[in-house]
Amino acid sequence: AVEWKDKPLDYEKNKVALLLESAECNISHGDRLTANDKKRIARDIASTDPECKWTESALAEKLGVIQQTVNTWISDIRARQKASRNTVILRLSRLGCPQEKTAETTGVTRGRVAQIVNNTNFGE
């Protein structure tokens, strides 16, 4: 069903949804996306998703590929995001920020914050 909107969609606000919807539609008809097209879409979404809201399995479903393929395409991006997040967690810990507040700030559980902090060797 087509829904009428009085105002045009804001592309920047809806970019991910529009990319995934068009990719999903092209799986079964229309101009089929190449593997490189799908890879570019997955990498674009992963790059703009530091909270990792779009999982590899969700992207795979929308792009019509298996999860391992998406993981191969975006693993370097996710690794950078994880390292950046862990650095923030460690800095906040060293500054004396409570783990609950750190968890809230970084979007991970308090248990995960504790795990990251406890598994880090500060050379002491």
PDB file of N, CA and C in Angstrom:
ATOM      1  N   ALA A   1       0.841  -1.177   0.000  1.00  0.00           N
ATOM      2  CA  ALA A   1       0.000   0.000   0.000  1.00  0.00           C
ATOM      3  C   ALA A   1       0.889   1.243   0.000  1.00  0.00           C
ATOM      4  N   VAL A   2       0.471   2.217  -0.763  1.00  0.00           N
ATOM      5  CA  VAL A   2       1.200   3.474  -0.845  1.00  0.00           C
ATOM      6  C   VAL A   2       0.587   4.439   0.153  1.00  0.00           C
ATOM      7  N   GLU A   3       1.426   5.071   0.930  1.00  0.00           N
ATOM      8  CA  GLU A   3       0.961   6.027   1.919  1.00  0.00           C
ATOM      9  C   GLU A   3       1.312   7.424   1.438  1.00  0.00           C
ATOM     10  N   TRP A   4       0.325   8.294   1.370  1.00  0.00           N
ATOM     11  CA  TRP A   4       0.542   9.655   0.906  1.00  0.00           C
ATOM     12  C   TRP A   4       1.151  10.485   2.022  1.00  0.00           C
ATOM     13  N   LYS A   5       2.179  11.230   1.688  1.00  0.00           N
ATOM     14  CA  LYS A   5       2.819  12.136   2.641  1.00  0.00           C
ATOM     15  C   LYS A   5       2.725  13.551   2.086  1.00  0.00           C
ATOM     16  N   ASP A   6       2.361  14.494   2.951  1.00  0.00           N
ATOM     17  CA  ASP A   6       2.286  15.887   2.527  1.00  0.00           C
ATOM     18  C   ASP A   6       3.664  16.481   2.299  1.00  0.00           C
ATOM     19  N   LYS A   7       4.639  16.000   3.064  1.00  0.00           N
ATOM     20  CA  LYS A   7       5.998  16.517   2.943  1.00  0.00           C
ATOM     21  C   LYS A   7       6.897  15.421   2.376  1.00  0.00           C
ATOM     22  N   PRO A   8       7.896  15.824   1.617  1.00  0.00           N
ATOM     23  CA  PRO A   8       8.836  14.805   1.118  1.00  0.00           C
ATOM     24  C   PRO A   8       9.644  14.212   2.274  1.00  0.00           C
ATOM     25  N   LEU A   9      10.082  12.980   2.077  1.00  0.00           N
ATOM     26  CA  LEU A   9      10.922  12.330   3.087  1.00  0.00           C
ATOM     27  C   LEU A   9      12.262  13.035   3.189  1.00  0.00           C
ATOM     28  N   ASP A  10      12.760  13.133   4.389  1.00  0.00           N
ATOM     29  CA  ASP A  10      14.101  13.652   4.612  1.00  0.00           C
ATOM     30  C   ASP A  10      15.067  12.507   4.345  1.00  0.00           C
ATOM     31  N   TYR A  11      15.803  12.600   3.255  1.00  0.00           N
ATOM     32  CA  TYR A  11      16.684  11.506   2.844  1.00  0.00           C
ATOM     33  C   TYR A  11      17.699  11.157   3.923  1.00  0.00           C
ATOM     34  N   GLU A  12      18.317  12.157   4.533  1.00  0.00           N
ATOM     35  CA  GLU A  12      19.346  11.888   5.541  1.00  0.00           C
ATOM     36  C   GLU A  12      18.771  11.143   6.742  1.00  0.00           C
ATOM     37  N   LYS A  13      17.565  11.497   7.159  1.00  0.00           N
ATOM     38  CA  LYS A  13      16.946  10.826   8.300  1.00  0.00           C
ATOM     39  C   LYS A  13      16.511   9.408   7.952  1.00  0.00           C
ATOM     40  N   ASN A  14      16.167   9.169   6.692  1.00  0.00           N
ATOM     41  CA  ASN A  14      15.611   7.884   6.272  1.00  0.00           C
ATOM     42  C   ASN A  14      16.534   7.095   5.359  1.00  0.00           C
ATOM     43  N   LYS A  15      17.793   7.497   5.266  1.00  0.00           N
ATOM     44  CA  LYS A  15      18.729   6.892   4.314  1.00  0.00           C
ATOM     45  C   LYS A  15      18.843   5.381   4.474  1.00  0.00           C
ATOM     46  N   VAL A  16      19.059   4.913   5.689  1.00  0.00           N
ATOM     47  CA  VAL A  16      19.243   3.477   5.918  1.00  0.00           C
ATOM     48  C   VAL A  16      17.982   2.711   5.537  1.00  0.00           C
ATOM     49  N   ALA A  17      16.840   3.187   5.993  1.00  0.00           N
ATOM     50  CA  ALA A  17      15.582   2.505   5.675  1.00  0.00           C
ATOM     51  C   ALA A  17      15.341   2.465   4.170  1.00  0.00           C
ATOM     52  N   LEU A  18      15.622   3.570   3.489  1.00  0.00           N
ATOM     53  CA  LEU A  18      15.429   3.612   2.040  1.00  0.00           C
ATOM     54  C   LEU A  18      16.398   2.687   1.309  1.00  0.00           C
ATOM     55  N   LEU A  19      17.656   2.680   1.723  1.00  0.00           N
ATOM     56  CA  LEU A  19      18.644   1.790   1.101  1.00  0.00           C
ATOM     57  C   LEU A  19      18.245   0.330   1.258  1.00  0.00           C
ATOM     58  N   LEU A  20      17.865  -0.041   2.471  1.00  0.00           N
ATOM     59  CA  LEU A  20      17.516  -1.439   2.723  1.00  0.00           C
ATOM     60  C   LEU A  20      16.218  -1.841   2.043  1.00  0.00           C
ATOM     61  N   GLU A  21      15.258  -0.953   2.016  1.00  0.00           N
ATOM     62  CA  GLU A  21      13.992  -1.265   1.347  1.00  0.00           C
ATOM     63  C   GLU A  21      14.206  -1.470  -0.147  1.00  0.00           C
ATOM     64  N   SER A  22      14.986  -0.594  -0.766  1.00  0.00           N
ATOM     65  CA  SER A  22      15.244  -0.748  -2.203  1.00  0.00           C
ATOM     66  C   SER A  22      16.064  -1.999  -2.477  1.00  0.00           C
ATOM     67  N   ALA A  23      17.026  -2.304  -1.616  1.00  0.00           N
ATOM     68  CA  ALA A  23      17.827  -3.520  -1.795  1.00  0.00           C
ATOM     69  C   ALA A  23      16.950  -4.756  -1.670  1.00  0.00           C
ATOM     70  N   GLU A  24      16.070  -4.757  -0.676  1.00  0.00           N
ATOM     71  CA  GLU A  24      15.190  -5.905  -0.474  1.00  0.00           C
ATOM     72  C   GLU A  24      14.248  -6.092  -1.660  1.00  0.00           C
ATOM     73  N   CYS A  25      13.730  -4.995  -2.201  1.00  0.00           N
ATOM     74  CA  CYS A  25      12.851  -5.088  -3.371  1.00  0.00           C
ATOM     75  C   CYS A  25      13.599  -5.634  -4.585  1.00  0.00           C
ATOM     76  N   ASN A  26      14.858  -5.263  -4.718  1.00  0.00           N
ATOM     77  CA  ASN A  26      15.634  -5.697  -5.877  1.00  0.00           C
ATOM     78  C   ASN A  26      16.118  -7.141  -5.786  1.00  0.00           C
ATOM     79  N   ILE A  27      15.926  -7.786  -4.657  1.00  0.00           N
ATOM     80  CA  ILE A  27      16.302  -9.196  -4.541  1.00  0.00           C
ATOM     81  C   ILE A  27      15.440 -10.040  -5.466  1.00  0.00           C
ATOM     82  N   SER A  28      14.152  -9.703  -5.530  1.00  0.00           N
ATOM     83  CA  SER A  28      13.223 -10.556  -6.271  1.00  0.00           C
ATOM     84  C   SER A  28      12.798 -10.017  -7.629  1.00  0.00           C
ATOM     85  N   HIS A  29      13.006  -8.756  -7.895  1.00  0.00           N
ATOM     86  CA  HIS A  29      12.604  -8.217  -9.200  1.00  0.00           C
ATOM     87  C   HIS A  29      13.374  -6.939  -9.485  1.00  0.00           C
ATOM     88  N   GLY A  30      13.190  -6.439 -10.664  1.00  0.00           N
ATOM     89  CA  GLY A  30      13.846  -5.190 -11.040  1.00  0.00           C
ATOM     90  C   GLY A  30      15.306  -5.394 -11.358  1.00  0.00           C
ATOM     91  N   ASP A  31      16.051  -4.330 -11.296  1.00  0.00           N
ATOM     92  CA  ASP A  31      17.490  -4.391 -11.526  1.00  0.00           C
ATOM     93  C   ASP A  31      18.146  -5.068 -10.338  1.00  0.00           C
ATOM     94  N   ARG A  32      18.652  -6.268 -10.558  1.00  0.00           N
ATOM     95  CA  ARG A  32      19.301  -7.008  -9.470  1.00  0.00           C
ATOM     96  C   ARG A  32      20.577  -6.280  -9.039  1.00  0.00           C
ATOM     97  N   LEU A  33      20.784  -6.218  -7.745  1.00  0.00           N
ATOM     98  CA  LEU A  33      22.002  -5.602  -7.226  1.00  0.00           C
ATOM     99  C   LEU A  33      23.157  -6.588  -7.360  1.00  0.00           C
ATOM    100  N   THR A  34      24.309  -6.075  -7.713  1.00  0.00           N
ATOM    101  CA  THR A  34      25.497  -6.919  -7.774  1.00  0.00           C
ATOM    102  C   THR A  34      26.017  -7.127  -6.353  1.00  0.00           C
ATOM    103  N   ALA A  35      26.912  -8.075  -6.207  1.00  0.00           N
ATOM    104  CA  ALA A  35      27.525  -8.310  -4.895  1.00  0.00           C
ATOM    105  C   ALA A  35      28.240  -7.047  -4.415  1.00  0.00           C
ATOM    106  N   ASN A  36      28.874  -6.330  -5.343  1.00  0.00           N
ATOM    107  CA  ASN A  36      29.558  -5.085  -4.958  1.00  0.00           C
ATOM    108  C   ASN A  36      28.575  -4.020  -4.490  1.00  0.00           C
ATOM    109  N   ASP A  37      27.399  -3.948  -5.133  1.00  0.00           N
ATOM    110  CA  ASP A  37      26.368  -3.005  -4.694  1.00  0.00           C
ATOM    111  C   ASP A  37      25.927  -3.328  -3.266  1.00  0.00           C
ATOM    112  N   LYS A  38      25.678  -4.611  -3.013  1.00  0.00           N
ATOM    113  CA  LYS A  38      25.239  -5.038  -1.684  1.00  0.00           C
ATOM    114  C   LYS A  38      26.326  -4.766  -0.644  1.00  0.00           C
ATOM    115  N   LYS A  39      27.563  -5.017  -1.024  1.00  0.00           N
ATOM    116  CA  LYS A  39      28.685  -4.774  -0.116  1.00  0.00           C
ATOM    117  C   LYS A  39      28.776  -3.292   0.232  1.00  0.00           C
ATOM    118  N   ARG A  40      28.628  -2.438  -0.779  1.00  0.00           N
ATOM    119  CA  ARG A  40      28.689  -0.993  -0.548  1.00  0.00           C
ATOM    120  C   ARG A  40      27.576  -0.549   0.402  1.00  0.00           C
ATOM    121  N   ILE A  41      26.371  -1.081   0.192  1.00  0.00           N
ATOM    122  CA  ILE A  41      25.246  -0.732   1.058  1.00  0.00           C
ATOM    123  C   ILE A  41      25.527  -1.181   2.492  1.00  0.00           C
ATOM    124  N   ALA A  42      25.994  -2.414   2.655  1.00  0.00           N
ATOM    125  CA  ALA A  42      26.291  -2.934   3.997  1.00  0.00           C
ATOM    126  C   ALA A  42      27.359  -2.087   4.682  1.00  0.00           C
ATOM    127  N   ARG A  43      28.399  -1.726   3.945  1.00  0.00           N
ATOM    128  CA  ARG A  43      29.490  -0.927   4.521  1.00  0.00           C
ATOM    129  C   ARG A  43      29.021   0.497   4.848  1.00  0.00           C
ATOM    130  N   ASP A  44      28.180   1.075   3.978  1.00  0.00           N
ATOM    131  CA  ASP A  44      27.633   2.412   4.254  1.00  0.00           C
ATOM    132  C   ASP A  44      26.824   2.407   5.550  1.00  0.00           C
ATOM    133  N   ILE A  45      25.982   1.394   5.694  1.00  0.00           N
ATOM    134  CA  ILE A  45      25.132   1.311   6.879  1.00  0.00           C
ATOM    135  C   ILE A  45      25.979   1.067   8.125  1.00  0.00           C
ATOM    136  N   ALA A  46      26.904   0.132   8.043  1.00  0.00           N
ATOM    137  CA  ALA A  46      27.761  -0.169   9.203  1.00  0.00           C
ATOM    138  C   ALA A  46      28.584   1.053   9.611  1.00  0.00           C
ATOM    139  N   SER A  47      29.046   1.812   8.639  1.00  0.00           N
ATOM    140  CA  SER A  47      29.868   2.997   8.932  1.00  0.00           C
ATOM    141  C   SER A  47      29.095   4.072   9.681  1.00  0.00           C
ATOM    142  N   THR A  48      27.802   4.142   9.425  1.00  0.00           N
ATOM    143  CA  THR A  48      26.979   5.168  10.069  1.00  0.00           C
ATOM    144  C   THR A  48      26.194   4.609  11.249  1.00  0.00           C
ATOM    145  N   ASP A  49      26.554   3.413  11.715  1.00  0.00           N
ATOM    146  CA  ASP A  49      25.839   2.736  12.789  1.00  0.00           C
ATOM    147  C   ASP A  49      26.801   2.329  13.907  1.00  0.00           C
ATOM    148  N   PRO A  50      27.405   3.312  14.617  1.00  0.00           N
ATOM    149  CA  PRO A  50      28.387   2.964  15.647  1.00  0.00           C
ATOM    150  C   PRO A  50      27.792   2.194  16.823  1.00  0.00           C
ATOM    151  N   GLU A  51      26.489   2.296  17.030  1.00  0.00           N
ATOM    152  CA  GLU A  51      25.853   1.545  18.112  1.00  0.00           C
ATOM    153  C   GLU A  51      25.545   0.114  17.695  1.00  0.00           C
ATOM    154  N   CYS A  52      25.823  -0.212  16.440  1.00  0.00           N
ATOM    155  CA  CYS A  52      25.596  -1.568  15.901  1.00  0.00           C
ATOM    156  C   CYS A  52      24.137  -1.990  16.027  1.00  0.00           C
ATOM    157  N   LYS A  53      23.228  -1.068  15.742  1.00  0.00           N
ATOM    158  CA  LYS A  53      21.800  -1.386  15.782  1.00  0.00           C
ATOM    159  C   LYS A  53      21.431  -2.366  14.672  1.00  0.00           C
ATOM    160  N   TRP A  54      22.120  -2.250  13.536  1.00  0.00           N
ATOM    161  CA  TRP A  54      21.894  -3.178  12.428  1.00  0.00           C
ATOM    162  C   TRP A  54      22.877  -4.330  12.559  1.00  0.00           C
ATOM    163  N   THR A  55      22.360  -5.477  12.955  1.00  0.00           N
ATOM    164  CA  THR A  55      23.213  -6.656  13.114  1.00  0.00           C
ATOM    165  C   THR A  55      23.546  -7.244  11.746  1.00  0.00           C
ATOM    166  N   GLU A  56      24.569  -8.083  11.730  1.00  0.00           N
ATOM    167  CA  GLU A  56      24.952  -8.752  10.493  1.00  0.00           C
ATOM    168  C   GLU A  56      23.799  -9.594   9.956  1.00  0.00           C
ATOM    169  N   SER A  57      23.069 -10.253  10.847  1.00  0.00           N
ATOM    170  CA  SER A  57      21.960 -11.098  10.385  1.00  0.00           C
ATOM    171  C   SER A  57      20.821 -10.261   9.809  1.00  0.00           C
ATOM    172  N   ALA A  58      20.534  -9.108  10.408  1.00  0.00           N
ATOM    173  CA  ALA A  58      19.477  -8.239   9.880  1.00  0.00           C
ATOM    174  C   ALA A  58      19.864  -7.683   8.513  1.00  0.00           C
ATOM    175  N   LEU A  59      21.119  -7.258   8.378  1.00  0.00           N
ATOM    176  CA  LEU A  59      21.584  -6.763   7.078  1.00  0.00           C
ATOM    177  C   LEU A  59      21.556  -7.874   6.040  1.00  0.00           C
ATOM    178  N   ALA A  60      21.977  -9.065   6.434  1.00  0.00           N
ATOM    179  CA  ALA A  60      21.993 -10.202   5.502  1.00  0.00           C
ATOM    180  C   ALA A  60      20.596 -10.501   4.990  1.00  0.00           C
ATOM    181  N   GLU A  61      19.626 -10.478   5.885  1.00  0.00           N
ATOM    182  CA  GLU A  61      18.243 -10.749   5.484  1.00  0.00           C
ATOM    183  C   GLU A  61      17.754  -9.718   4.472  1.00  0.00           C
ATOM    184  N   LYS A  62      18.020  -8.455   4.747  1.00  0.00           N
ATOM    185  CA  LYS A  62      17.570  -7.388   3.847  1.00  0.00           C
ATOM    186  C   LYS A  62      18.293  -7.424   2.502  1.00  0.00           C
ATOM    187  N   LEU A  63      19.569  -7.826   2.512  1.00  0.00           N
ATOM    188  CA  LEU A  63      20.366  -7.808   1.282  1.00  0.00           C
ATOM    189  C   LEU A  63      20.312  -9.128   0.520  1.00  0.00           C
ATOM    190  N   GLY A  64      19.691 -10.139   1.107  1.00  0.00           N
ATOM    191  CA  GLY A  64      19.555 -11.415   0.423  1.00  0.00           C
ATOM    192  C   GLY A  64      20.845 -12.206   0.329  1.00  0.00           C
ATOM    193  N   VAL A  65      21.680 -12.097   1.354  1.00  0.00           N
ATOM    194  CA  VAL A  65      22.931 -12.857   1.415  1.00  0.00           C
ATOM    195  C   VAL A  65      22.995 -13.528   2.784  1.00  0.00           C
ATOM    196  N   ILE A  66      24.001 -14.374   2.986  1.00  0.00           N
ATOM    197  CA  ILE A  66      24.136 -15.022   4.283  1.00  0.00           C
ATOM    198  C   ILE A  66      24.895 -14.116   5.248  1.00  0.00           C
ATOM    199  N   GLN A  67      24.700 -14.372   6.526  1.00  0.00           N
ATOM    200  CA  GLN A  67      25.307 -13.544   7.572  1.00  0.00           C
ATOM    201  C   GLN A  67      26.824 -13.512   7.470  1.00  0.00           C
ATOM    202  N   GLN A  68      27.437 -14.633   7.135  1.00  0.00           N
ATOM    203  CA  GLN A  68      28.895 -14.682   7.036  1.00  0.00           C
ATOM    204  C   GLN A  68      29.413 -13.734   5.957  1.00  0.00           C
ATOM    205  N   THR A  69      28.644 -13.582   4.884  1.00  0.00           N
ATOM    206  CA  THR A  69      29.041 -12.667   3.815  1.00  0.00           C
ATOM    207  C   THR A  69      29.062 -11.232   4.332  1.00  0.00           C
ATOM    208  N   VAL A  70      28.002 -10.845   5.025  1.00  0.00           N
ATOM    209  CA  VAL A  70      27.945  -9.491   5.587  1.00  0.00           C
ATOM    210  C   VAL A  70      29.072  -9.306   6.596  1.00  0.00           C
ATOM    211  N   ASN A  71      29.316 -10.311   7.413  1.00  0.00           N
ATOM    212  CA  ASN A  71      30.394 -10.223   8.397  1.00  0.00           C
ATOM    213  C   ASN A  71      31.736  -9.979   7.712  1.00  0.00           C
ATOM    214  N   THR A  72      31.981 -10.667   6.615  1.00  0.00           N
ATOM    215  CA  THR A  72      33.223 -10.469   5.859  1.00  0.00           C
ATOM    216  C   THR A  72      33.308  -9.041   5.325  1.00  0.00           C
ATOM    217  N   TRP A  73      32.190  -8.532   4.835  1.00  0.00           N
ATOM    218  CA  TRP A  73      32.169  -7.195   4.252  1.00  0.00           C
ATOM    219  C   TRP A  73      32.429  -6.104   5.287  1.00  0.00           C
ATOM    220  N   ILE A  74      31.907  -6.268   6.513  1.00  0.00           N
ATOM    221  CA  ILE A  74      31.941  -5.154   7.471  1.00  0.00           C
ATOM    222  C   ILE A  74      32.776  -5.425   8.718  1.00  0.00           C
ATOM    223  N   SER A  75      33.470  -6.540   8.783  1.00  0.00           N
ATOM    224  CA  SER A  75      34.199  -6.889  10.015  1.00  0.00           C
ATOM    225  C   SER A  75      35.241  -5.834  10.395  1.00  0.00           C
ATOM    226  N   ASP A  76      35.898  -5.225   9.413  1.00  0.00           N
ATOM    227  CA  ASP A  76      36.894  -4.194   9.729  1.00  0.00           C
ATOM    228  C   ASP A  76      36.242  -2.955  10.339  1.00  0.00           C
ATOM    229  N   ILE A  77      35.059  -2.608   9.855  1.00  0.00           N
ATOM    230  CA  ILE A  77      34.335  -1.447  10.385  1.00  0.00           C
ATOM    231  C   ILE A  77      33.901  -1.718  11.822  1.00  0.00           C
ATOM    232  N   ARG A  78      33.324  -2.890  12.054  1.00  0.00           N
ATOM    233  CA  ARG A  78      32.871  -3.252  13.397  1.00  0.00           C
ATOM    234  C   ARG A  78      34.051  -3.325  14.372  1.00  0.00           C
ATOM    235  N   ALA A  79      35.197  -3.814  13.906  1.00  0.00           N
ATOM    236  CA  ALA A  79      36.380  -3.896  14.772  1.00  0.00           C
ATOM    237  C   ALA A  79      36.831  -2.499  15.198  1.00  0.00           C
ATOM    238  N   ARG A  80      36.827  -1.541  14.258  1.00  0.00           N
ATOM    239  CA  ARG A  80      37.196  -0.157  14.600  1.00  0.00           C
ATOM    240  C   ARG A  80      36.201   0.442  15.588  1.00  0.00           C
ATOM    241  N   GLN A  81      34.907   0.187  15.351  1.00  0.00           N
ATOM    242  CA  GLN A  81      33.886   0.721  16.247  1.00  0.00           C
ATOM    243  C   GLN A  81      34.034   0.139  17.650  1.00  0.00           C
ATOM    244  N   LYS A  82      34.305  -1.160  17.722  1.00  0.00           N
ATOM    245  CA  LYS A  82      34.480  -1.823  19.015  1.00  0.00           C
ATOM    246  C   LYS A  82      35.710  -1.272  19.739  1.00  0.00           C
ATOM    247  N   ALA A  83      36.808  -1.102  19.017  1.00  0.00           N
ATOM    248  CA  ALA A  83      38.033  -0.567  19.626  1.00  0.00           C
ATOM    249  C   ALA A  83      37.801   0.849  20.136  1.00  0.00           C
ATOM    250  N   SER A  84      37.094   1.653  19.362  1.00  0.00           N
ATOM    251  CA  SER A  84      36.795   3.025  19.765  1.00  0.00           C
ATOM    252  C   SER A  84      35.924   3.035  21.017  1.00  0.00           C
ATOM    253  N   ARG A  85      34.897   2.192  21.026  1.00  0.00           N
ATOM    254  CA  ARG A  85      34.016   2.101  22.192  1.00  0.00           C
ATOM    255  C   ARG A  85      34.794   1.641  23.421  1.00  0.00           C
ATOM    256  N   ASN A  86      35.641   0.637  23.253  1.00  0.00           N
ATOM    257  CA  ASN A  86      36.423   0.129  24.382  1.00  0.00           C
ATOM    258  C   ASN A  86      37.379   1.189  24.919  1.00  0.00           C
ATOM    259  N   THR A  87      37.942   2.000  24.028  1.00  0.00           N
ATOM    260  CA  THR A  87      38.823   3.087  24.453  1.00  0.00           C
ATOM    261  C   THR A  87      38.062   4.087  25.316  1.00  0.00           C
ATOM    262  N   VAL A  88      36.853   4.421  24.910  1.00  0.00           N
ATOM    263  CA  VAL A  88      36.023   5.340  25.697  1.00  0.00           C
ATOM    264  C   VAL A  88      35.729   4.730  27.065  1.00  0.00           C
ATOM    265  N   ILE A  89      35.390   3.444  27.082  1.00  0.00           N
ATOM    266  CA  ILE A  89      35.096   2.763  28.352  1.00  0.00           C
ATOM    267  C   ILE A  89      36.311   2.806  29.277  1.00  0.00           C
ATOM    268  N   LEU A  90      37.478   2.516  28.737  1.00  0.00           N
ATOM    269  CA  LEU A  90      38.695   2.514  29.556  1.00  0.00           C
ATOM    270  C   LEU A  90      39.052   3.912  30.050  1.00  0.00           C
ATOM    271  N   ARG A  91      38.867   4.916  29.206  1.00  0.00           N
ATOM    272  CA  ARG A  91      39.148   6.295  29.635  1.00  0.00           C
ATOM    273  C   ARG A  91      38.214   6.712  30.764  1.00  0.00           C
ATOM    274  N   LEU A  92      36.933   6.413  30.595  1.00  0.00           N
ATOM    275  CA  LEU A  92      35.974   6.764  31.643  1.00  0.00           C
ATOM    276  C   LEU A  92      36.296   6.032  32.943  1.00  0.00           C
ATOM    277  N   SER A  93      36.706   4.788  32.828  1.00  0.00           N
ATOM    278  CA  SER A  93      37.080   4.016  34.013  1.00  0.00           C
ATOM    279  C   SER A  93      38.273   4.648  34.718  1.00  0.00           C
ATOM    280  N   ARG A  94      39.278   5.021  33.956  1.00  0.00           N
ATOM    281  CA  ARG A  94      40.485   5.638  34.533  1.00  0.00           C
ATOM    282  C   ARG A  94      40.178   6.995  35.174  1.00  0.00           C
ATOM    283  N   LEU A  95      39.143   7.663  34.668  1.00  0.00           N
ATOM    284  CA  LEU A  95      38.740   8.952  35.237  1.00  0.00           C
ATOM    285  C   LEU A  95      37.848   8.785  36.465  1.00  0.00           C
ATOM    286  N   GLY A  96      37.519   7.531  36.799  1.00  0.00           N
ATOM    287  CA  GLY A  96      36.723   7.265  37.990  1.00  0.00           C
ATOM    288  C   GLY A  96      35.228   7.261  37.776  1.00  0.00           C
ATOM    289  N   CYS A  97      34.803   7.239  36.547  1.00  0.00           N
ATOM    290  CA  CYS A  97      33.369   7.217  36.249  1.00  0.00           C
ATOM    291  C   CYS A  97      32.787   5.863  36.690  1.00  0.00           C
ATOM    292  N   PRO A  98      31.657   5.858  37.391  1.00  0.00           N
ATOM    293  CA  PRO A  98      31.051   4.588  37.801  1.00  0.00           C
ATOM    294  C   PRO A  98      30.684   3.728  36.580  1.00  0.00           C
ATOM    295  N   GLN A  99      30.760   2.422  36.751  1.00  0.00           N
ATOM    296  CA  GLN A  99      30.484   1.522  35.632  1.00  0.00           C
ATOM    297  C   GLN A  99      29.055   1.662  35.114  1.00  0.00           C
ATOM    298  N   GLU A 100      28.113   1.943  35.992  1.00  0.00           N
ATOM    299  CA  GLU A 100      26.725   2.119  35.556  1.00  0.00           C
ATOM    300  C   GLU A 100      26.607   3.302  34.596  1.00  0.00           C
ATOM    301  N   LYS A 101      27.261   4.407  34.952  1.00  0.00           N
ATOM    302  CA  LYS A 101      27.233   5.608  34.107  1.00  0.00           C
ATOM    303  C   LYS A 101      27.972   5.349  32.798  1.00  0.00           C
ATOM    304  N   THR A 102      29.099   4.634  32.863  1.00  0.00           N
ATOM    305  CA  THR A 102      29.858   4.294  31.659  1.00  0.00           C
ATOM    306  C   THR A 102      29.014   3.433  30.732  1.00  0.00           C
ATOM    307  N   ALA A 103      28.312   2.464  31.303  1.00  0.00           N
ATOM    308  CA  ALA A 103      27.451   1.584  30.507  1.00  0.00           C
ATOM    309  C   ALA A 103      26.355   2.389  29.817  1.00  0.00           C
ATOM    310  N   GLU A 104      25.751   3.293  30.559  1.00  0.00           N
ATOM    311  CA  GLU A 104      24.693   4.140  30.008  1.00  0.00           C
ATOM    312  C   GLU A 104      25.230   5.017  28.876  1.00  0.00           C
ATOM    313  N   THR A 105      26.413   5.569  29.068  1.00  0.00           N
ATOM    314  CA  THR A 105      27.023   6.465  28.084  1.00  0.00           C
ATOM    315  C   THR A 105      27.402   5.737  26.802  1.00  0.00           C
ATOM    316  N   THR A 106      27.918   4.524  26.944  1.00  0.00           N
ATOM    317  CA  THR A 106      28.431   3.797  25.773  1.00  0.00           C
ATOM    318  C   THR A 106      27.436   2.822  25.164  1.00  0.00           C
ATOM    319  N   GLY A 107      26.305   2.611  25.819  1.00  0.00           N
ATOM    320  CA  GLY A 107      25.280   1.747  25.252  1.00  0.00           C
ATOM    321  C   GLY A 107      25.553   0.257  25.386  1.00  0.00           C
ATOM    322  N   VAL A 108      26.345  -0.121  26.372  1.00  0.00           N
ATOM    323  CA  VAL A 108      26.579  -1.539  26.644  1.00  0.00           C
ATOM    324  C   VAL A 108      26.132  -1.827  28.078  1.00  0.00           C
ATOM    325  N   THR A 109      26.083  -3.096  28.427  1.00  0.00           N
ATOM    326  CA  THR A 109      25.658  -3.445  29.784  1.00  0.00           C
ATOM    327  C   THR A 109      26.768  -3.154  30.785  1.00  0.00           C
ATOM    328  N   ARG A 110      26.387  -3.010  32.053  1.00  0.00           N
ATOM    329  CA  ARG A 110      27.370  -2.803  33.091  1.00  0.00           C
ATOM    330  C   ARG A 110      28.299  -4.003  33.191  1.00  0.00           C
ATOM    331  N   GLY A 111      27.771  -5.183  32.983  1.00  0.00           N
ATOM    332  CA  GLY A 111      28.596  -6.385  33.002  1.00  0.00           C
ATOM    333  C   GLY A 111      29.661  -6.373  31.920  1.00  0.00           C
ATOM    334  N   ARG A 112      29.284  -5.875  30.742  1.00  0.00           N
ATOM    335  CA  ARG A 112      30.256  -5.803  29.642  1.00  0.00           C
ATOM    336  C   ARG A 112      31.326  -4.761  29.952  1.00  0.00           C
ATOM    337  N   VAL A 113      30.933  -3.641  30.552  1.00  0.00           N
ATOM    338  CA  VAL A 113      31.909  -2.622  30.958  1.00  0.00           C
ATOM    339  C   VAL A 113      32.902  -3.239  31.933  1.00  0.00           C
ATOM    340  N   ALA A 114      32.393  -3.958  32.929  1.00  0.00           N
ATOM    341  CA  ALA A 114      33.266  -4.594  33.922  1.00  0.00           C
ATOM    342  C   ALA A 114      34.217  -5.578  33.250  1.00  0.00           C
ATOM    343  N   GLN A 115      33.697  -6.335  32.306  1.00  0.00           N
ATOM    344  CA  GLN A 115      34.523  -7.313  31.591  1.00  0.00           C
ATOM    345  C   GLN A 115      35.654  -6.631  30.824  1.00  0.00           C
ATOM    346  N   ILE A 116      35.344  -5.554  30.123  1.00  0.00           N
ATOM    347  CA  ILE A 116      36.358  -4.827  29.348  1.00  0.00           C
ATOM    348  C   ILE A 116      37.419  -4.246  30.276  1.00  0.00           C
ATOM    349  N   VAL A 117      36.976  -3.618  31.360  1.00  0.00           N
ATOM    350  CA  VAL A 117      37.913  -2.998  32.302  1.00  0.00           C
ATOM    351  C   VAL A 117      38.778  -4.062  32.982  1.00  0.00           C
ATOM    352  N   ASN A 118      38.164  -5.133  33.426  1.00  0.00           N
ATOM    353  CA  ASN A 118      38.901  -6.174  34.159  1.00  0.00           C
ATOM    354  C   ASN A 118      39.860  -6.963  33.270  1.00  0.00           C
ATOM    355  N   ASN A 119      39.581  -7.038  31.985  1.00  0.00           N
ATOM    356  CA  ASN A 119      40.446  -7.793  31.070  1.00  0.00           C
ATOM    357  C   ASN A 119      41.550  -6.938  30.460  1.00  0.00           C
ATOM    358  N   THR A 120      41.648  -5.690  30.889  1.00  0.00           N
ATOM    359  CA  THR A 120      42.661  -4.795  30.338  1.00  0.00           C
ATOM    360  C   THR A 120      43.845  -4.713  31.287  1.00  0.00           C
ATOM    361  N   ASN A 121      45.023  -4.900  30.727  1.00  0.00           N
ATOM    362  CA  ASN A 121      46.260  -4.803  31.506  1.00  0.00           C
ATOM    363  C   ASN A 121      46.838  -3.408  31.281  1.00  0.00           C
ATOM    364  N   PHE A 122      46.845  -2.609  32.339  1.00  0.00           N
ATOM    365  CA  PHE A 122      47.362  -1.246  32.233  1.00  0.00           C
ATOM    366  C   PHE A 122      48.865  -1.185  32.467  1.00  0.00           C
ATOM    367  N   GLY A 123      49.500  -2.329  32.551  1.00  0.00           N
ATOM    368  CA  GLY A 123      50.943  -2.364  32.746  1.00  0.00           C
ATOM    369  C   GLY A 123      51.355  -2.020  34.162  1.00  0.00           C
ATOM    370  N   GLU A 124      50.472  -2.249  35.090  1.00  0.00           N
ATOM    371  CA  GLU A 124      50.759  -1.911  36.493  1.00  0.00           C
ATOM    372  C   GLU A 124      51.168  -3.138  37.254  1.00  0.00           C
TER     373      GLU A 124
END
